[in-house]
Protein backbone atom coordinates (compact mmCIF):
# COMPACT_ATOMS: atom_id res chain seq x y z
CA MET A 1 -44.04 -5.51 -10.74
CA PRO A 2 -42.95 -2.41 -12.72
CA THR A 3 -40.85 0.05 -10.76
CA ASN A 4 -39.38 2.27 -13.44
CA HIS A 5 -36.61 4.65 -12.41
CA LEU A 6 -36.38 7.62 -14.76
CA ARG A 7 -33.84 10.40 -14.94
CA GLU A 8 -34.52 13.56 -12.94
CA SER A 9 -33.49 16.02 -15.64
CA THR A 10 -32.38 15.98 -19.21
CA ASP A 11 -28.73 16.54 -19.91
CA SER A 12 -29.27 19.26 -22.48
CA GLY A 13 -32.87 20.45 -22.32
CA ARG A 14 -34.53 22.83 -19.88
CA ARG A 15 -36.50 21.66 -16.88
CA PRO A 16 -40.18 21.14 -17.69
CA ARG A 17 -42.80 23.65 -16.64
CA VAL A 18 -45.21 21.74 -14.39
CA LEU A 19 -48.89 22.43 -13.87
CA LEU A 20 -49.63 20.72 -10.55
CA LEU A 21 -53.34 19.92 -10.40
CA SER A 22 -54.87 19.23 -6.98
CA PRO A 23 -58.66 19.34 -6.44
CA TYR A 24 -58.04 21.04 -3.09
CA PHE A 25 -54.99 22.87 -1.76
CA HIS A 26 -53.89 25.20 1.00
CA PRO A 27 -55.62 26.33 3.19
CA VAL A 28 -57.54 23.04 2.98
CA LEU A 29 -55.87 20.54 5.32
CA GLY A 30 -55.63 16.83 4.58
CA GLY A 31 -53.34 14.06 3.41
CA ALA A 32 -53.80 14.70 -0.31
CA GLU A 33 -53.32 18.43 0.15
CA ALA A 34 -50.13 17.83 2.19
CA ALA A 35 -48.86 15.51 -0.55
CA ALA A 36 -49.52 18.13 -3.22
CA MET A 37 -47.75 20.77 -1.14
CA GLY A 38 -44.75 18.49 -0.72
CA VAL A 39 -44.45 17.93 -4.48
CA ALA A 40 -44.92 21.63 -5.23
CA ARG A 41 -42.31 22.64 -2.65
CA TYR A 42 -39.75 20.16 -3.95
CA LEU A 43 -40.18 21.14 -7.60
CA HIS A 44 -40.04 24.85 -6.75
CA THR A 45 -36.90 24.60 -4.61
CA HIS A 46 -35.16 22.40 -7.20
CA GLY A 47 -35.63 24.83 -10.05
CA TYR A 48 -38.70 23.41 -11.79
CA PRO A 49 -41.12 26.15 -12.91
CA VAL A 50 -44.36 25.01 -11.24
CA PHE A 51 -47.77 26.45 -10.50
CA VAL A 52 -50.75 24.89 -8.74
CA VAL A 53 -54.30 24.83 -10.11
CA THR A 54 -57.00 24.07 -7.57
CA LYS A 55 -60.63 24.72 -6.71
CA ARG A 56 -61.51 28.04 -5.07
CA ILE A 57 -63.10 27.19 -1.72
CA GLY A 58 -64.22 30.62 -0.49
CA ARG A 59 -64.62 34.06 -1.97
CA ASP A 60 -62.07 35.32 0.56
CA HIS A 61 -59.43 33.11 -1.09
CA PRO A 62 -57.65 35.03 -3.86
CA VAL A 63 -57.88 33.78 -7.42
CA ARG A 64 -54.11 34.21 -7.76
CA ASP A 65 -51.93 33.53 -4.74
CA ALA A 66 -48.57 32.12 -3.66
CA VAL A 67 -47.94 29.50 -0.99
CA GLU A 68 -44.32 29.10 0.13
CA GLY A 69 -43.30 30.83 -3.08
CA VAL A 70 -45.31 28.50 -5.33
CA PRO A 71 -47.88 30.31 -7.53
CA VAL A 72 -51.45 29.10 -6.96
CA ARG A 73 -54.40 29.70 -9.29
CA ARG A 74 -57.88 28.98 -7.96
CA ILE A 75 -60.71 28.28 -10.37
CA PRO A 76 -64.52 28.24 -10.02
CA PRO A 77 -67.03 27.25 -8.95
CA VAL A 78 -66.59 28.63 -5.45
CA GLY A 79 -67.70 26.19 -2.77
CA ARG A 80 -66.68 24.02 0.14
CA ARG A 81 -64.87 20.74 -0.15
CA SER A 82 -67.21 17.85 -0.91
CA GLY A 83 -67.26 14.53 -2.67
CA TYR A 84 -68.96 15.88 -5.80
CA ALA A 85 -67.26 19.28 -6.01
CA LYS A 86 -64.25 17.93 -7.94
CA TRP A 87 -66.66 16.76 -10.64
CA VAL A 88 -68.51 20.07 -10.78
CA MET A 89 -65.25 21.91 -11.46
CA LEU A 90 -64.48 19.90 -14.64
CA PRO A 91 -65.79 22.47 -17.19
CA SER A 92 -63.86 25.38 -15.67
CA LEU A 93 -60.79 23.16 -15.24
CA LEU A 94 -60.84 22.13 -18.89
CA ALA A 95 -61.16 25.77 -19.93
CA ALA A 96 -58.21 26.70 -17.68
CA LEU A 97 -55.99 23.93 -19.04
CA LEU A 98 -56.66 25.11 -22.57
CA ARG A 99 -56.28 28.80 -21.72
CA TRP A 100 -52.89 28.29 -20.02
CA ARG A 101 -51.55 25.67 -22.43
CA ARG A 102 -48.55 27.83 -23.42
CA GLU A 103 -47.46 28.07 -19.76
CA TYR A 104 -46.82 24.39 -18.99
CA ASP A 105 -45.17 21.32 -20.52
CA VAL A 106 -46.65 18.57 -18.36
CA VAL A 107 -49.60 18.14 -15.98
CA CYS A 108 -49.20 16.34 -12.66
CA CYS A 109 -52.51 15.38 -10.97
CA VAL A 110 -52.25 14.67 -7.25
CA ASP A 111 -55.49 12.93 -6.21
CA PHE A 112 -56.80 12.61 -9.74
CA ARG A 113 -60.39 11.53 -9.01
CA GLY A 114 -62.56 13.34 -11.53
CA VAL A 115 -60.04 16.02 -12.46
CA ALA A 116 -57.95 13.63 -14.58
CA ILE A 117 -60.83 13.51 -17.06
CA ALA A 118 -60.37 17.21 -17.85
CA ALA A 119 -56.59 16.76 -18.01
CA ILE A 120 -56.87 13.86 -20.49
CA VAL A 121 -59.37 15.74 -22.69
CA ALA A 122 -57.06 18.78 -22.66
CA ARG A 123 -54.11 16.57 -23.59
CA TRP A 124 -55.85 15.49 -26.78
CA LEU A 125 -56.06 19.17 -27.74
CA THR A 126 -52.78 20.52 -26.31
CA ARG A 127 -50.54 17.43 -26.53
CA ARG A 128 -49.29 18.14 -23.01
CA PRO A 129 -48.60 14.80 -21.24
CA VAL A 130 -50.40 13.92 -18.00
CA ALA A 131 -49.08 12.09 -14.94
CA VAL A 132 -51.53 11.02 -12.24
CA GLN A 133 -51.16 9.92 -8.63
CA ALA A 134 -53.99 8.26 -6.72
CA GLN A 135 -54.05 8.95 -2.99
CA THR A 136 -55.96 5.75 -2.25
CA THR A 137 -56.92 2.43 -3.79
CA GLY A 138 -60.09 2.09 -5.85
CA VAL A 139 -59.53 5.18 -7.99
CA VAL A 140 -58.26 3.92 -11.34
CA SER A 141 -60.55 0.86 -11.13
CA CYS A 142 -63.50 2.97 -9.84
CA GLY A 143 -63.79 0.43 -7.03
CA SER A 144 -64.29 3.34 -4.63
CA TRP A 145 -67.73 3.76 -6.22
CA ASP A 146 -68.91 0.35 -4.95
CA PRO A 147 -70.46 1.49 -1.62
CA ALA A 148 -72.53 4.14 -3.43
CA LEU A 149 -73.62 1.64 -6.06
CA ARG A 150 -74.78 -0.76 -3.35
CA ARG A 151 -76.83 2.01 -1.74
CA PHE A 152 -78.70 2.29 -5.04
CA GLY A 153 -79.28 -1.45 -5.08
CA LEU A 154 -76.68 -2.18 -7.77
CA SER A 155 -74.14 -4.98 -7.60
CA PRO A 156 -70.64 -3.53 -8.20
CA GLU A 157 -69.98 -6.44 -10.56
CA GLY A 158 -73.29 -6.16 -12.40
CA VAL A 159 -73.71 -5.12 -16.00
CA LEU A 160 -75.10 -1.66 -15.19
CA ALA A 161 -72.37 -0.90 -12.64
CA ARG A 162 -69.65 -1.92 -15.09
CA ALA A 163 -71.25 0.27 -17.74
CA VAL A 164 -71.20 3.25 -15.36
CA LYS A 165 -67.55 2.73 -14.40
CA TRP A 166 -66.18 1.97 -17.85
CA PRO A 167 -66.11 5.51 -19.37
CA VAL A 168 -64.33 7.01 -16.35
CA ARG A 169 -61.84 4.15 -16.09
CA ALA A 170 -61.20 4.46 -19.84
CA PHE A 171 -60.07 8.06 -19.30
CA TYR A 172 -57.90 7.28 -16.28
CA ILE A 173 -55.91 4.48 -17.88
CA ARG A 174 -54.93 6.80 -20.75
CA ALA A 175 -52.76 8.98 -18.53
CA ASP A 176 -49.14 9.01 -19.72
CA GLY A 177 -47.76 8.08 -16.31
CA HIS A 178 -49.21 6.54 -13.14
CA ALA A 179 -47.22 7.30 -9.98
CA CYS A 180 -48.36 4.70 -7.43
CA LEU A 181 -48.10 5.41 -3.71
CA MET A 182 -48.25 1.73 -2.79
CA LYS A 183 -47.88 -1.73 -4.25
CA SER A 184 -51.61 -2.42 -4.16
CA ILE A 185 -52.21 0.60 -6.44
CA GLU A 186 -49.58 -0.78 -8.83
CA ARG A 187 -51.47 -4.07 -8.99
CA GLU A 188 -54.82 -2.30 -9.37
CA SER A 189 -53.46 -0.18 -12.23
CA LEU A 190 -52.19 -3.22 -14.07
CA ASP A 191 -55.48 -5.05 -13.59
CA ALA A 192 -57.38 -2.00 -14.87
CA GLY A 193 -55.43 -2.08 -18.13
CA VAL A 194 -52.71 0.55 -17.61
CA PRO A 195 -49.66 -0.47 -19.68
CA ALA A 196 -46.84 -1.69 -17.43
CA GLY A 197 -44.40 0.83 -18.89
CA ARG A 198 -46.52 3.71 -17.61
CA ILE A 199 -46.61 2.49 -14.00
CA HIS A 200 -44.05 3.76 -11.47
CA TYR A 201 -43.75 3.10 -7.74
CA VAL A 202 -43.52 6.52 -6.07
CA PRO A 203 -44.39 6.40 -2.35
CA GLN A 204 -45.01 9.46 -0.20
CA GLY A 205 -42.01 11.69 0.49
CA VAL A 206 -41.25 13.32 3.82
CA ASN A 207 -38.94 16.19 4.75
CA MET A 208 -36.54 14.52 7.19
CA GLU A 209 -35.29 17.84 8.55
CA LYS A 210 -38.74 19.30 9.13
CA PHE A 211 -40.04 16.08 10.67
CA ARG A 212 -37.29 15.17 13.12
CA PRO A 213 -37.09 13.78 16.66
CA ALA A 214 -37.50 16.31 19.45
CA ALA A 215 -34.27 17.66 20.92
CA ALA A 216 -33.59 17.29 24.62
CA GLY A 217 -36.15 19.31 26.57
CA GLU A 218 -37.96 20.44 23.42
CA ALA A 219 -41.12 18.41 24.04
CA ALA A 220 -41.66 20.06 27.42
CA VAL A 221 -41.32 23.54 25.91
CA LEU A 222 -43.74 22.71 23.11
CA ARG A 223 -46.31 21.24 25.52
CA ALA A 224 -46.22 24.36 27.64
CA ALA A 225 -46.87 26.49 24.55
CA LEU A 226 -49.68 24.18 23.39
CA GLY A 227 -51.31 23.98 26.81
CA TRP A 228 -50.87 20.21 27.00
CA PRO A 229 -50.14 18.55 30.37
CA ALA A 230 -46.46 18.21 31.22
CA ASP A 231 -46.87 15.26 33.58
CA ARG A 232 -48.62 12.86 31.19
CA LEU A 233 -47.76 10.88 28.10
CA ILE A 234 -49.34 12.34 24.97
CA CYS A 235 -51.08 10.10 22.41
CA LEU A 236 -51.62 12.11 19.24
CA SER A 237 -54.01 11.52 16.35
CA LEU A 238 -53.62 13.84 13.34
CA ALA A 239 -56.70 13.46 11.15
CA ARG A 240 -59.92 15.21 10.25
CA LEU A 241 -62.90 14.20 12.39
CA SER A 242 -64.42 12.08 9.68
CA LEU A 243 -66.04 8.67 10.01
CA GLU A 244 -63.45 6.80 7.94
CA LYS A 245 -60.59 8.19 10.02
CA GLY A 246 -61.79 6.14 12.99
CA ALA A 247 -62.02 8.85 15.65
CA LEU A 248 -65.04 7.19 17.27
CA ASP A 249 -63.21 3.83 17.39
CA LEU A 250 -60.23 5.53 19.01
CA LEU A 251 -62.41 7.20 21.63
CA ASP A 252 -64.06 3.88 22.39
CA ALA A 253 -60.61 2.33 22.87
CA TRP A 254 -59.58 5.22 25.10
CA ASN A 255 -62.72 4.79 27.19
CA GLN A 256 -61.89 1.09 27.65
CA LEU A 257 -58.27 1.87 28.57
CA ARG A 258 -58.73 5.01 30.70
CA PRO A 259 -54.98 5.37 31.31
CA PRO A 260 -54.17 7.44 34.40
CA ASN A 261 -50.83 8.58 32.97
CA ALA A 262 -51.82 9.75 29.48
CA THR A 263 -53.80 12.30 27.47
CA LEU A 264 -55.29 11.72 24.03
CA VAL A 265 -55.03 14.68 21.62
CA LEU A 266 -57.23 14.72 18.51
CA ALA A 267 -55.79 17.29 16.10
CA GLY A 268 -57.82 17.88 12.97
CA PRO A 269 -60.80 19.78 11.60
CA ASP A 270 -64.47 18.83 11.67
CA MET A 271 -65.88 17.84 8.27
CA GLU A 272 -68.56 20.52 8.30
CA ASN A 273 -71.54 19.95 6.00
CA HIS A 274 -70.25 16.46 5.16
CA PRO A 275 -72.25 13.30 5.90
CA TRP A 276 -69.18 11.64 7.43
CA ASN A 277 -68.54 14.42 9.95
CA VAL A 278 -68.23 12.89 13.44
CA GLY A 279 -66.94 15.93 15.31
CA PRO A 280 -70.18 16.52 17.26
CA GLN A 281 -70.53 12.79 18.02
CA ALA A 282 -66.95 12.61 19.26
CA ARG A 283 -67.41 15.53 21.65
CA GLU A 284 -70.68 14.10 22.91
CA PHE A 285 -69.02 10.72 23.52
CA VAL A 286 -66.31 12.43 25.60
CA ARG A 287 -68.96 14.28 27.59
CA GLN A 288 -71.15 11.23 28.20
CA HIS A 289 -68.23 9.06 29.32
CA ASP A 290 -66.57 11.74 31.46
CA LEU A 291 -63.33 11.73 29.47
CA GLY A 292 -62.85 15.48 29.43
CA SER A 293 -59.84 15.33 31.72
CA SER A 294 -57.90 13.00 29.41
CA VAL A 295 -59.06 13.97 25.89
CA VAL A 296 -58.14 17.21 24.10
CA PHE A 297 -59.77 18.37 20.85
CA HIS A 298 -56.96 20.48 19.43
CA GLY A 299 -58.81 21.44 16.23
CA PRO A 300 -57.29 22.04 12.78
CA THR A 301 -53.58 22.66 12.64
CA SER A 302 -50.90 23.69 10.18
CA GLU A 303 -48.15 22.92 12.70
CA ALA A 304 -47.92 19.14 12.47
CA PRO A 305 -44.13 19.02 13.07
CA ARG A 306 -44.46 20.84 16.40
CA LEU A 307 -47.36 18.67 17.53
CA LEU A 308 -45.52 15.47 16.65
CA ARG A 309 -42.39 16.54 18.55
CA ALA A 310 -44.54 17.27 21.60
CA ALA A 311 -46.09 13.77 21.56
CA ASP A 312 -45.01 10.36 22.85
CA VAL A 313 -47.20 8.03 20.75
CA PHE A 314 -48.92 8.43 17.38
CA VAL A 315 -52.17 6.62 16.65
CA LEU A 316 -53.88 6.06 13.29
CA PRO A 317 -57.31 4.37 13.66
CA SER A 318 -58.44 4.71 10.01
CA HIS A 319 -60.91 2.35 8.34
CA PHE A 320 -59.01 2.74 5.08
CA GLU A 321 -55.94 4.66 3.93
CA ALA A 322 -53.58 4.88 1.03
CA LEU A 323 -50.15 5.42 2.56
CA SER A 324 -51.01 7.98 5.29
CA VAL A 325 -48.82 11.05 5.09
CA ALA A 326 -49.38 11.71 8.80
CA ALA A 327 -48.14 8.27 9.84
CA ILE A 328 -44.97 8.58 7.75
CA GLU A 329 -44.30 12.02 9.23
CA ALA A 330 -44.84 10.60 12.72
CA ALA A 331 -42.38 7.79 11.96
CA ALA A 332 -39.84 10.37 10.73
CA THR A 333 -40.27 12.14 14.08
CA ALA A 334 -39.29 8.83 15.77
CA LEU A 335 -42.69 8.30 17.36
CA PRO A 336 -43.91 4.76 18.03
CA ILE A 337 -47.06 4.16 15.98
CA VAL A 338 -50.27 2.27 16.64
CA ALA A 339 -52.08 1.93 13.31
CA THR A 340 -54.82 -0.07 11.69
CA ALA A 341 -53.55 -2.60 9.15
CA VAL A 342 -55.19 -1.01 6.10
CA GLY A 343 -54.11 0.18 2.66
CA GLY A 344 -50.42 0.88 2.27
CA ILE A 345 -49.64 1.04 6.00
CA GLY A 346 -48.18 -2.46 5.72
CA ASP A 347 -45.83 -1.27 2.95
CA TYR A 348 -43.65 0.34 5.63
CA THR A 349 -44.91 -0.80 9.04
CA GLN A 350 -43.90 -4.17 10.50
CA ASP A 351 -45.86 -5.18 13.56
CA GLY A 352 -43.58 -5.23 16.59
CA VAL A 353 -40.59 -3.90 14.62
CA ASN A 354 -41.34 -0.23 13.87
CA GLY A 355 -44.95 -0.01 15.04
CA LEU A 356 -47.96 -1.94 16.29
CA LEU A 357 -50.71 -2.94 13.86
CA VAL A 358 -54.32 -3.70 14.79
CA PRO A 359 -57.42 -4.59 12.74
CA PRO A 360 -59.64 -1.66 11.66
CA ARG A 361 -62.74 -0.95 13.76
CA ASP A 362 -61.39 -3.13 16.60
CA SER A 363 -61.36 -0.79 19.58
CA ALA A 364 -60.44 -3.58 22.02
CA ARG A 365 -57.26 -4.47 20.11
CA MET A 366 -56.42 -0.80 19.77
CA ALA A 367 -56.84 -0.28 23.52
CA ASP A 368 -54.51 -3.22 24.15
CA ALA A 369 -51.82 -1.88 21.79
CA LEU A 370 -51.98 1.61 23.29
CA GLY A 371 -51.81 0.15 26.77
CA ARG A 372 -48.64 -1.78 25.89
CA LEU A 373 -46.90 1.34 24.63
CA LEU A 374 -47.98 3.56 27.50
CA ALA A 375 -46.69 1.03 30.02
CA ASP A 376 -43.30 0.34 28.39
CA ALA A 377 -40.85 3.20 27.80
CA ALA A 378 -38.24 0.85 26.32
CA LEU A 379 -40.75 -0.43 23.74
CA ARG A 380 -41.65 3.15 22.80
CA ALA A 381 -38.00 4.04 22.30
CA ARG A 382 -37.20 0.93 20.25
CA LEU A 383 -40.19 1.22 17.92
CA GLY A 384 -39.65 4.95 17.47
CA ALA A 385 -35.98 4.56 16.53
CA CYS A 386 -36.78 1.81 14.04
CA ALA A 387 -39.60 3.90 12.55
CA ARG A 388 -37.26 6.82 11.91
CA ALA A 389 -34.65 4.57 10.28
CA SER A 390 -37.19 2.88 7.99
CA VAL A 391 -38.58 6.20 6.73
CA GLU A 392 -35.15 7.72 6.21
CA GLU A 393 -34.17 4.86 3.94
CA ARG A 394 -37.28 4.73 1.76
CA PHE A 395 -39.34 7.91 2.05
CA SER A 396 -37.04 10.92 2.21
CA GLU A 397 -38.14 13.71 -0.15
CA ASP A 398 -34.88 13.71 -2.08
CA VAL A 399 -35.40 10.07 -3.02
CA VAL A 400 -39.16 10.07 -3.65
CA PHE A 401 -39.77 13.48 -5.18
CA GLY A 402 -36.60 13.16 -7.23
CA ARG A 403 -38.12 10.04 -8.76
CA LEU A 404 -41.38 11.87 -9.52
CA ALA A 405 -39.48 14.78 -11.02
CA GLY A 406 -37.70 12.29 -13.26
CA ILE A 407 -41.02 10.90 -14.48
CA LEU A 408 -42.33 14.38 -15.29
CA THR A 409 -39.09 15.32 -17.03
CA SER A 410 -39.12 12.20 -19.18
CA LEU A 411 -42.76 12.71 -20.16
CA ALA A 412 -42.08 16.32 -21.14
CA ALA A 413 -38.73 15.60 -22.84
CA PRO A 414 -39.89 16.34 -26.41
CA ALA A 415 -41.19 19.77 -25.42
CA CYS A 416 -38.04 20.58 -23.44
CA ALA A 417 -35.45 19.43 -25.96
CA PRO A 418 -33.07 22.18 -27.09
CA THR A 419 -33.80 23.79 -30.43
CA ASP A 420 -31.37 22.94 -33.20
CA ARG A 421 -30.01 26.30 -34.29
CA ARG A 422 -27.87 25.08 -37.15
């Protein structure tokens, strides 16, 4: 499997100017947005000129902004996050890429669904190379379209479905570099026809200083500030209240378990105006099953490090995931993890070694795993320590983002080479 390691910077040329393209960005909260922020922060602090281009969500969000010192440019059309919005923004994105072509040397697309098409078309006109990073499987192959195709009565392997997927896939595979979060995306990219030399294994990076274990007595102070009970163990889920994130499965497991010594905290926003929004259902489930004394809906948060340090157990009940930024951050915080065995979770989680894995949509198995952790302090401590060590070795930002910076630098090398003044 290709795992190219490229230099971080040229010896004699300047650092490349990076246009970081993310369909959504701060203040939108989610795994892809957190990943884009991590890349932007690393490039900015390590001297790479970088600016973010993203969709403008609301009219109260400025067209030009800065987040943690990184310039952000928001483009039309204005509108909420949705599955189709990233496709609607393609004309204005293409115009922006052409208009700003003298301000960047390379484009980096984090979560490239749809938007990579505009980047590839612009590349043909500007000759600016494009690197893409899928945040989940099924992107480069268009396999993520299969559920929608079935709803329209089409077989994903049928002639018509293949004809629909082919033009989009043909654009995606022409990106100059594919940074793959997990091994399954590497395999998918190869199978889709991406040349092996363009494929690079680049998992999610985490700031090991920001996401650290709680100091002695710190968890109690944080819980008091958050209004969480001091005399109970805290099980924390950090995810939007969306169907695929498994919140309803988790609540079903909690209802089966009903632990007298623990509180479940669901921290994440509702998916308003989205068909997968389960926020209202989740609250109704809690009401109907009289779980109000042991379940807290914390709502959206931008303070994940504080919430993780205030918790005892992290739980990820997703139906599907790529790598899960939240789970890696929880592991860095030395929390024991209960997670569904989906996507790239298995790339870094070994059942019984640094976490507990359960099948997706299996609330009974999830209840059993949570019960084991809540009843065994030694098990929590052992899994948490191993989780921290495994992340430190493989997912620290200096290692991961340095590798991505090397890819971008190598792609942009011709544009950044010093001018011969002889």
